[in-house]
N, C-alpha and C. Protein backbone atom coordinates (compact mmCIF):
# COMPACT_ATOMS: atom_id res chain seq x y z
N UNK A 1 -78.26 57.68 -9.62
CA UNK A 1 -77.79 58.12 -10.93
C UNK A 1 -76.37 57.61 -11.19
N UNK A 2 -75.49 57.73 -10.18
CA UNK A 2 -74.12 57.25 -10.32
C UNK A 2 -74.09 55.73 -10.51
N UNK A 3 -74.95 55.03 -9.77
CA UNK A 3 -75.02 53.56 -9.88
C UNK A 3 -75.41 53.16 -11.30
N UNK A 4 -76.35 53.91 -11.88
CA UNK A 4 -76.79 53.62 -13.26
C UNK A 4 -75.62 53.81 -14.23
N UNK A 5 -74.87 54.90 -14.03
CA UNK A 5 -73.72 55.22 -14.88
C UNK A 5 -72.66 54.12 -14.72
N UNK A 6 -72.42 53.70 -13.47
CA UNK A 6 -71.45 52.63 -13.20
C UNK A 6 -71.85 51.34 -13.90
N UNK A 7 -73.16 51.04 -13.86
CA UNK A 7 -73.67 49.83 -14.52
C UNK A 7 -73.46 49.90 -16.02
N UNK A 8 -73.71 51.09 -16.60
CA UNK A 8 -73.53 51.28 -18.04
C UNK A 8 -72.06 51.07 -18.43
N UNK A 9 -71.16 51.64 -17.64
CA UNK A 9 -69.72 51.49 -17.88
C UNK A 9 -69.32 50.02 -17.76
N UNK A 10 -69.82 49.36 -16.72
CA UNK A 10 -69.51 47.95 -16.50
C UNK A 10 -70.03 47.10 -17.66
N UNK A 11 -71.23 47.41 -18.14
CA UNK A 11 -71.82 46.66 -19.26
C UNK A 11 -70.98 46.86 -20.51
N UNK A 12 -70.56 48.12 -20.73
CA UNK A 12 -69.71 48.43 -21.90
C UNK A 12 -68.38 47.68 -21.79
N UNK A 13 -67.78 47.71 -20.60
CA UNK A 13 -66.51 47.01 -20.36
C UNK A 13 -66.67 45.50 -20.54
N UNK A 14 -67.80 44.96 -20.13
CA UNK A 14 -68.07 43.52 -20.29
C UNK A 14 -68.13 43.17 -21.77
N UNK A 15 -68.76 44.06 -22.54
CA UNK A 15 -68.88 43.83 -23.98
C UNK A 15 -67.49 43.85 -24.63
N UNK A 16 -66.68 44.84 -24.26
CA UNK A 16 -65.31 44.95 -24.78
C UNK A 16 -64.51 43.71 -24.40
N UNK A 17 -64.64 43.28 -23.15
CA UNK A 17 -63.93 42.09 -22.67
C UNK A 17 -64.37 40.86 -23.45
N UNK A 18 -65.65 40.76 -23.74
CA UNK A 18 -66.18 39.62 -24.50
C UNK A 18 -65.59 39.61 -25.91
N UNK A 19 -65.52 40.80 -26.53
CA UNK A 19 -64.94 40.89 -27.87
C UNK A 19 -63.48 40.48 -27.85
N UNK A 20 -62.74 40.95 -26.84
CA UNK A 20 -61.32 40.58 -26.71
C UNK A 20 -61.19 39.07 -26.54
N UNK A 21 -62.04 38.52 -25.66
CA UNK A 21 -61.98 37.07 -25.41
C UNK A 21 -62.23 36.31 -26.70
N UNK A 22 -63.25 36.71 -27.46
CA UNK A 22 -63.58 36.04 -28.72
C UNK A 22 -62.41 36.11 -29.69
N UNK A 23 -61.75 37.28 -29.75
CA UNK A 23 -60.60 37.44 -30.64
C UNK A 23 -59.46 36.52 -30.21
N UNK A 24 -59.18 36.50 -28.90
CA UNK A 24 -58.12 35.64 -28.39
C UNK A 24 -58.43 34.17 -28.65
N UNK A 25 -59.71 33.79 -28.46
CA UNK A 25 -60.10 32.39 -28.69
C UNK A 25 -59.94 32.03 -30.16
N UNK A 26 -60.29 32.95 -31.05
CA UNK A 26 -60.13 32.71 -32.49
C UNK A 26 -58.65 32.59 -32.83
N UNK A 27 -57.83 33.48 -32.24
CA UNK A 27 -56.38 33.42 -32.46
C UNK A 27 -55.82 32.08 -31.96
N UNK A 28 -56.27 31.67 -30.79
CA UNK A 28 -55.80 30.41 -30.20
C UNK A 28 -56.17 29.24 -31.11
N UNK A 29 -57.39 29.27 -31.64
CA UNK A 29 -57.86 28.21 -32.54
C UNK A 29 -57.02 28.18 -33.81
N UNK A 30 -56.75 29.35 -34.37
CA UNK A 30 -55.94 29.46 -35.59
C UNK A 30 -54.52 28.95 -35.33
N UNK A 31 -53.95 29.32 -34.19
CA UNK A 31 -52.59 28.87 -33.85
C UNK A 31 -52.57 27.35 -33.68
N UNK A 32 -53.61 26.80 -33.04
CA UNK A 32 -53.69 25.35 -32.84
C UNK A 32 -53.76 24.64 -34.19
N UNK A 33 -54.53 25.18 -35.12
CA UNK A 33 -54.64 24.58 -36.45
C UNK A 33 -53.31 24.66 -37.18
N UNK A 34 -52.63 25.81 -37.06
CA UNK A 34 -51.33 26.00 -37.69
C UNK A 34 -50.31 25.01 -37.11
N UNK A 35 -50.38 24.84 -35.79
CA UNK A 35 -49.48 23.92 -35.10
C UNK A 35 -49.71 22.49 -35.57
N UNK A 36 -50.98 22.11 -35.70
CA UNK A 36 -51.34 20.77 -36.16
C UNK A 36 -50.76 20.51 -37.55
N UNK A 37 -50.88 21.52 -38.42
CA UNK A 37 -50.36 21.42 -39.78
C UNK A 37 -48.84 21.25 -39.75
N UNK A 38 -48.19 22.04 -38.90
CA UNK A 38 -46.74 21.98 -38.77
C UNK A 38 -46.30 20.63 -38.23
N UNK A 39 -47.05 20.09 -37.27
CA UNK A 39 -46.72 18.77 -36.71
C UNK A 39 -46.85 17.69 -37.77
N UNK A 40 -47.88 17.80 -38.62
CA UNK A 40 -48.07 16.83 -39.70
C UNK A 40 -46.91 16.90 -40.69
N UNK A 41 -46.47 18.11 -41.00
CA UNK A 41 -45.33 18.31 -41.91
C UNK A 41 -44.07 17.71 -41.30
N UNK A 42 -43.87 17.95 -40.01
CA UNK A 42 -42.69 17.43 -39.32
C UNK A 42 -42.70 15.90 -39.32
N UNK A 43 -43.88 15.32 -39.06
CA UNK A 43 -44.00 13.85 -39.05
C UNK A 43 -43.69 13.28 -40.44
N UNK A 44 -44.20 13.94 -41.46
CA UNK A 44 -43.97 13.51 -42.84
C UNK A 44 -42.48 13.58 -43.17
N UNK A 45 -41.84 14.68 -42.76
CA UNK A 45 -40.42 14.86 -43.01
C UNK A 45 -39.59 13.82 -42.27
N UNK A 46 -39.99 13.51 -41.04
CA UNK A 46 -39.28 12.49 -40.26
C UNK A 46 -39.38 11.12 -40.95
N UNK A 47 -40.58 10.82 -41.45
CA UNK A 47 -40.82 9.55 -42.16
C UNK A 47 -39.97 9.49 -43.42
N UNK A 48 -39.98 10.58 -44.19
CA UNK A 48 -39.18 10.64 -45.42
C UNK A 48 -37.70 10.46 -45.11
N UNK A 49 -37.24 11.12 -44.06
CA UNK A 49 -35.83 11.02 -43.66
C UNK A 49 -35.49 9.58 -43.32
N UNK A 50 -36.35 8.93 -42.54
CA UNK A 50 -36.13 7.53 -42.16
C UNK A 50 -36.09 6.64 -43.41
N UNK A 51 -37.02 6.89 -44.34
CA UNK A 51 -37.07 6.10 -45.58
C UNK A 51 -35.79 6.32 -46.40
N UNK A 52 -35.32 7.56 -46.46
CA UNK A 52 -34.11 7.87 -47.22
C UNK A 52 -32.89 7.21 -46.58
N UNK A 53 -32.86 7.16 -45.26
CA UNK A 53 -31.74 6.51 -44.56
C UNK A 53 -31.71 5.03 -44.95
N UNK A 54 -32.88 4.41 -44.95
CA UNK A 54 -32.97 3.00 -45.35
C UNK A 54 -32.48 2.80 -46.78
N UNK A 55 -32.95 3.67 -47.69
CA UNK A 55 -32.53 3.58 -49.09
C UNK A 55 -31.03 3.80 -49.22
N UNK A 56 -30.52 4.77 -48.48
CA UNK A 56 -29.11 5.12 -48.55
C UNK A 56 -28.22 3.93 -48.19
N UNK A 57 -28.72 3.08 -47.31
CA UNK A 57 -27.94 1.91 -46.90
C UNK A 57 -27.76 0.92 -48.05
N UNK A 58 -28.69 0.98 -49.02
CA UNK A 58 -28.70 -0.01 -50.09
C UNK A 58 -27.99 0.45 -51.37
N UNK A 59 -27.62 1.70 -51.46
CA UNK A 59 -27.06 2.21 -52.72
C UNK A 59 -25.55 2.36 -52.69
N UNK A 60 -24.98 2.65 -53.85
CA UNK A 60 -23.53 2.75 -53.98
C UNK A 60 -22.95 3.89 -53.14
N UNK A 61 -21.64 3.88 -53.01
CA UNK A 61 -20.95 4.87 -52.19
C UNK A 61 -21.24 6.30 -52.66
N UNK A 62 -21.19 6.54 -53.95
CA UNK A 62 -21.46 7.88 -54.49
C UNK A 62 -22.86 8.33 -54.13
N UNK A 63 -23.78 7.43 -54.36
CA UNK A 63 -25.17 7.75 -54.05
C UNK A 63 -25.34 7.95 -52.54
N UNK A 64 -24.60 7.16 -51.79
CA UNK A 64 -24.67 7.28 -50.32
C UNK A 64 -24.22 8.67 -49.88
N UNK A 65 -23.15 9.16 -50.51
CA UNK A 65 -22.66 10.50 -50.16
C UNK A 65 -23.71 11.56 -50.51
N UNK A 66 -24.31 11.42 -51.70
CA UNK A 66 -25.34 12.38 -52.11
C UNK A 66 -26.55 12.29 -51.16
N UNK A 67 -26.92 11.07 -50.84
CA UNK A 67 -28.05 10.85 -49.93
C UNK A 67 -27.73 11.42 -48.54
N UNK A 68 -26.47 11.27 -48.13
CA UNK A 68 -26.05 11.79 -46.82
C UNK A 68 -26.17 13.31 -46.77
N UNK A 69 -25.80 13.96 -47.89
CA UNK A 69 -25.92 15.42 -47.95
C UNK A 69 -27.39 15.83 -47.88
N UNK A 70 -28.22 15.11 -48.63
CA UNK A 70 -29.65 15.39 -48.63
C UNK A 70 -30.22 15.16 -47.23
N UNK A 71 -29.80 14.06 -46.64
CA UNK A 71 -30.25 13.70 -45.29
C UNK A 71 -29.83 14.78 -44.29
N UNK A 72 -28.60 15.24 -44.41
CA UNK A 72 -28.09 16.29 -43.54
C UNK A 72 -28.96 17.55 -43.65
N UNK A 73 -29.30 17.90 -44.92
CA UNK A 73 -30.15 19.06 -45.17
C UNK A 73 -31.53 18.84 -44.56
N UNK A 74 -32.06 17.62 -44.73
CA UNK A 74 -33.39 17.33 -44.19
C UNK A 74 -33.38 17.41 -42.67
N UNK A 75 -32.31 16.94 -42.06
CA UNK A 75 -32.20 16.99 -40.60
C UNK A 75 -32.17 18.46 -40.15
N UNK A 76 -31.45 19.31 -40.91
CA UNK A 76 -31.42 20.75 -40.60
C UNK A 76 -32.82 21.35 -40.76
N UNK A 77 -33.48 20.99 -41.88
CA UNK A 77 -34.85 21.48 -42.14
C UNK A 77 -35.78 21.05 -41.01
N UNK A 78 -35.63 19.81 -40.59
CA UNK A 78 -36.48 19.27 -39.52
C UNK A 78 -36.24 20.04 -38.22
N UNK A 79 -34.97 20.34 -37.94
CA UNK A 79 -34.65 21.10 -36.72
C UNK A 79 -35.30 22.48 -36.78
N UNK A 80 -35.24 23.12 -37.96
CA UNK A 80 -35.88 24.44 -38.12
C UNK A 80 -37.38 24.32 -37.91
N UNK A 81 -37.95 23.27 -38.47
CA UNK A 81 -39.39 23.04 -38.36
C UNK A 81 -39.78 22.83 -36.90
N UNK A 82 -38.98 22.03 -36.20
CA UNK A 82 -39.26 21.76 -34.77
C UNK A 82 -39.16 23.06 -33.96
N UNK A 83 -38.19 23.91 -34.34
CA UNK A 83 -38.02 25.20 -33.66
C UNK A 83 -39.26 26.07 -33.89
N UNK A 84 -39.73 26.12 -35.15
CA UNK A 84 -40.92 26.90 -35.49
C UNK A 84 -42.13 26.35 -34.74
N UNK A 85 -42.18 25.01 -34.64
CA UNK A 85 -43.28 24.33 -33.95
C UNK A 85 -43.28 24.73 -32.47
N UNK A 86 -42.11 24.74 -31.85
CA UNK A 86 -42.00 25.09 -30.43
C UNK A 86 -42.41 26.55 -30.21
N UNK A 87 -41.99 27.44 -31.11
CA UNK A 87 -42.34 28.85 -31.02
C UNK A 87 -43.86 29.01 -31.16
N UNK A 88 -44.43 28.29 -32.12
CA UNK A 88 -45.87 28.37 -32.35
C UNK A 88 -46.63 27.84 -31.14
N UNK A 89 -46.12 26.76 -30.55
CA UNK A 89 -46.77 26.19 -29.36
C UNK A 89 -46.73 27.21 -28.22
N UNK A 90 -45.60 27.91 -28.09
CA UNK A 90 -45.48 28.94 -27.04
C UNK A 90 -46.46 30.09 -27.32
N UNK A 91 -46.55 30.50 -28.59
CA UNK A 91 -47.49 31.56 -28.99
C UNK A 91 -48.92 31.13 -28.68
N UNK A 92 -49.24 29.89 -29.05
CA UNK A 92 -50.59 29.37 -28.82
C UNK A 92 -50.92 29.37 -27.32
N UNK A 93 -49.95 28.98 -26.50
CA UNK A 93 -50.15 28.95 -25.05
C UNK A 93 -50.37 30.37 -24.52
N UNK A 94 -49.61 31.34 -25.06
CA UNK A 94 -49.76 32.73 -24.63
C UNK A 94 -51.14 33.24 -25.03
N UNK A 95 -51.56 32.96 -26.25
CA UNK A 95 -52.87 33.42 -26.72
C UNK A 95 -53.98 32.78 -25.88
N UNK A 96 -53.82 31.49 -25.56
CA UNK A 96 -54.81 30.80 -24.73
C UNK A 96 -54.87 31.47 -23.35
N UNK A 97 -53.71 31.86 -22.83
CA UNK A 97 -53.65 32.56 -21.54
C UNK A 97 -54.34 33.92 -21.63
N UNK A 98 -54.11 34.63 -22.75
CA UNK A 98 -54.77 35.92 -22.97
C UNK A 98 -56.28 35.74 -23.04
N UNK A 99 -56.72 34.67 -23.72
CA UNK A 99 -58.16 34.40 -23.85
C UNK A 99 -58.75 34.14 -22.46
N UNK A 100 -58.02 33.39 -21.64
CA UNK A 100 -58.49 33.08 -20.28
C UNK A 100 -58.59 34.37 -19.46
N UNK A 101 -57.57 35.22 -19.56
CA UNK A 101 -57.57 36.49 -18.82
C UNK A 101 -58.72 37.37 -19.28
N UNK A 102 -58.96 37.38 -20.60
CA UNK A 102 -60.06 38.20 -21.15
C UNK A 102 -61.40 37.67 -20.65
N UNK A 103 -61.53 36.34 -20.58
CA UNK A 103 -62.77 35.72 -20.09
C UNK A 103 -63.00 36.09 -18.62
N UNK A 104 -61.90 36.09 -17.84
CA UNK A 104 -62.00 36.46 -16.42
C UNK A 104 -62.39 37.93 -16.26
N UNK A 105 -61.81 38.79 -17.12
CA UNK A 105 -62.13 40.22 -17.07
C UNK A 105 -63.60 40.42 -17.44
N UNK A 106 -64.04 39.68 -18.44
CA UNK A 106 -65.44 39.77 -18.88
C UNK A 106 -66.38 39.35 -17.73
N UNK A 107 -66.05 38.25 -17.07
CA UNK A 107 -66.86 37.75 -15.97
C UNK A 107 -66.92 38.78 -14.83
N UNK A 108 -65.78 39.41 -14.56
CA UNK A 108 -65.72 40.42 -13.51
C UNK A 108 -66.60 41.62 -13.85
N UNK A 109 -66.57 42.03 -15.13
CA UNK A 109 -67.40 43.15 -15.56
C UNK A 109 -68.89 42.79 -15.49
N UNK A 110 -69.21 41.56 -15.90
CA UNK A 110 -70.61 41.10 -15.85
C UNK A 110 -71.11 41.08 -14.42
N UNK A 111 -70.24 40.71 -13.48
CA UNK A 111 -70.60 40.66 -12.07
C UNK A 111 -70.96 42.06 -11.57
N UNK A 112 -70.27 43.08 -12.11
CA UNK A 112 -70.54 44.46 -11.71
C UNK A 112 -71.89 44.94 -12.26
N UNK A 113 -72.31 44.36 -13.39
CA UNK A 113 -73.57 44.77 -14.01
C UNK A 113 -74.75 44.34 -13.15
N UNK A 114 -74.63 43.13 -12.55
CA UNK A 114 -75.73 42.57 -11.74
C UNK A 114 -76.02 43.37 -10.49
């Protein structure tokens, strides 16, 4: 009777672990997609900055100063973006780790069911 009860608890725990794992995997997937989007934005901004630097070399002194200010702002924006990207990458790694731990917990519970 106790063994049956233990099996029921283990099966319930395995189900909970599976749900957690699925949630973590979905979170990890969402974070990866968000990171990809952020990387694309950063790449675009880097390209724009490089293009503006090239243009700035060709224009008058006044325009060069204005372009330099814009460039300075873009470099700051890019730094913020890179910081957000690094934070997101760390979050994604943590979520992936959580998903792995949940999968291991699920496997352990399933082993108890058998």
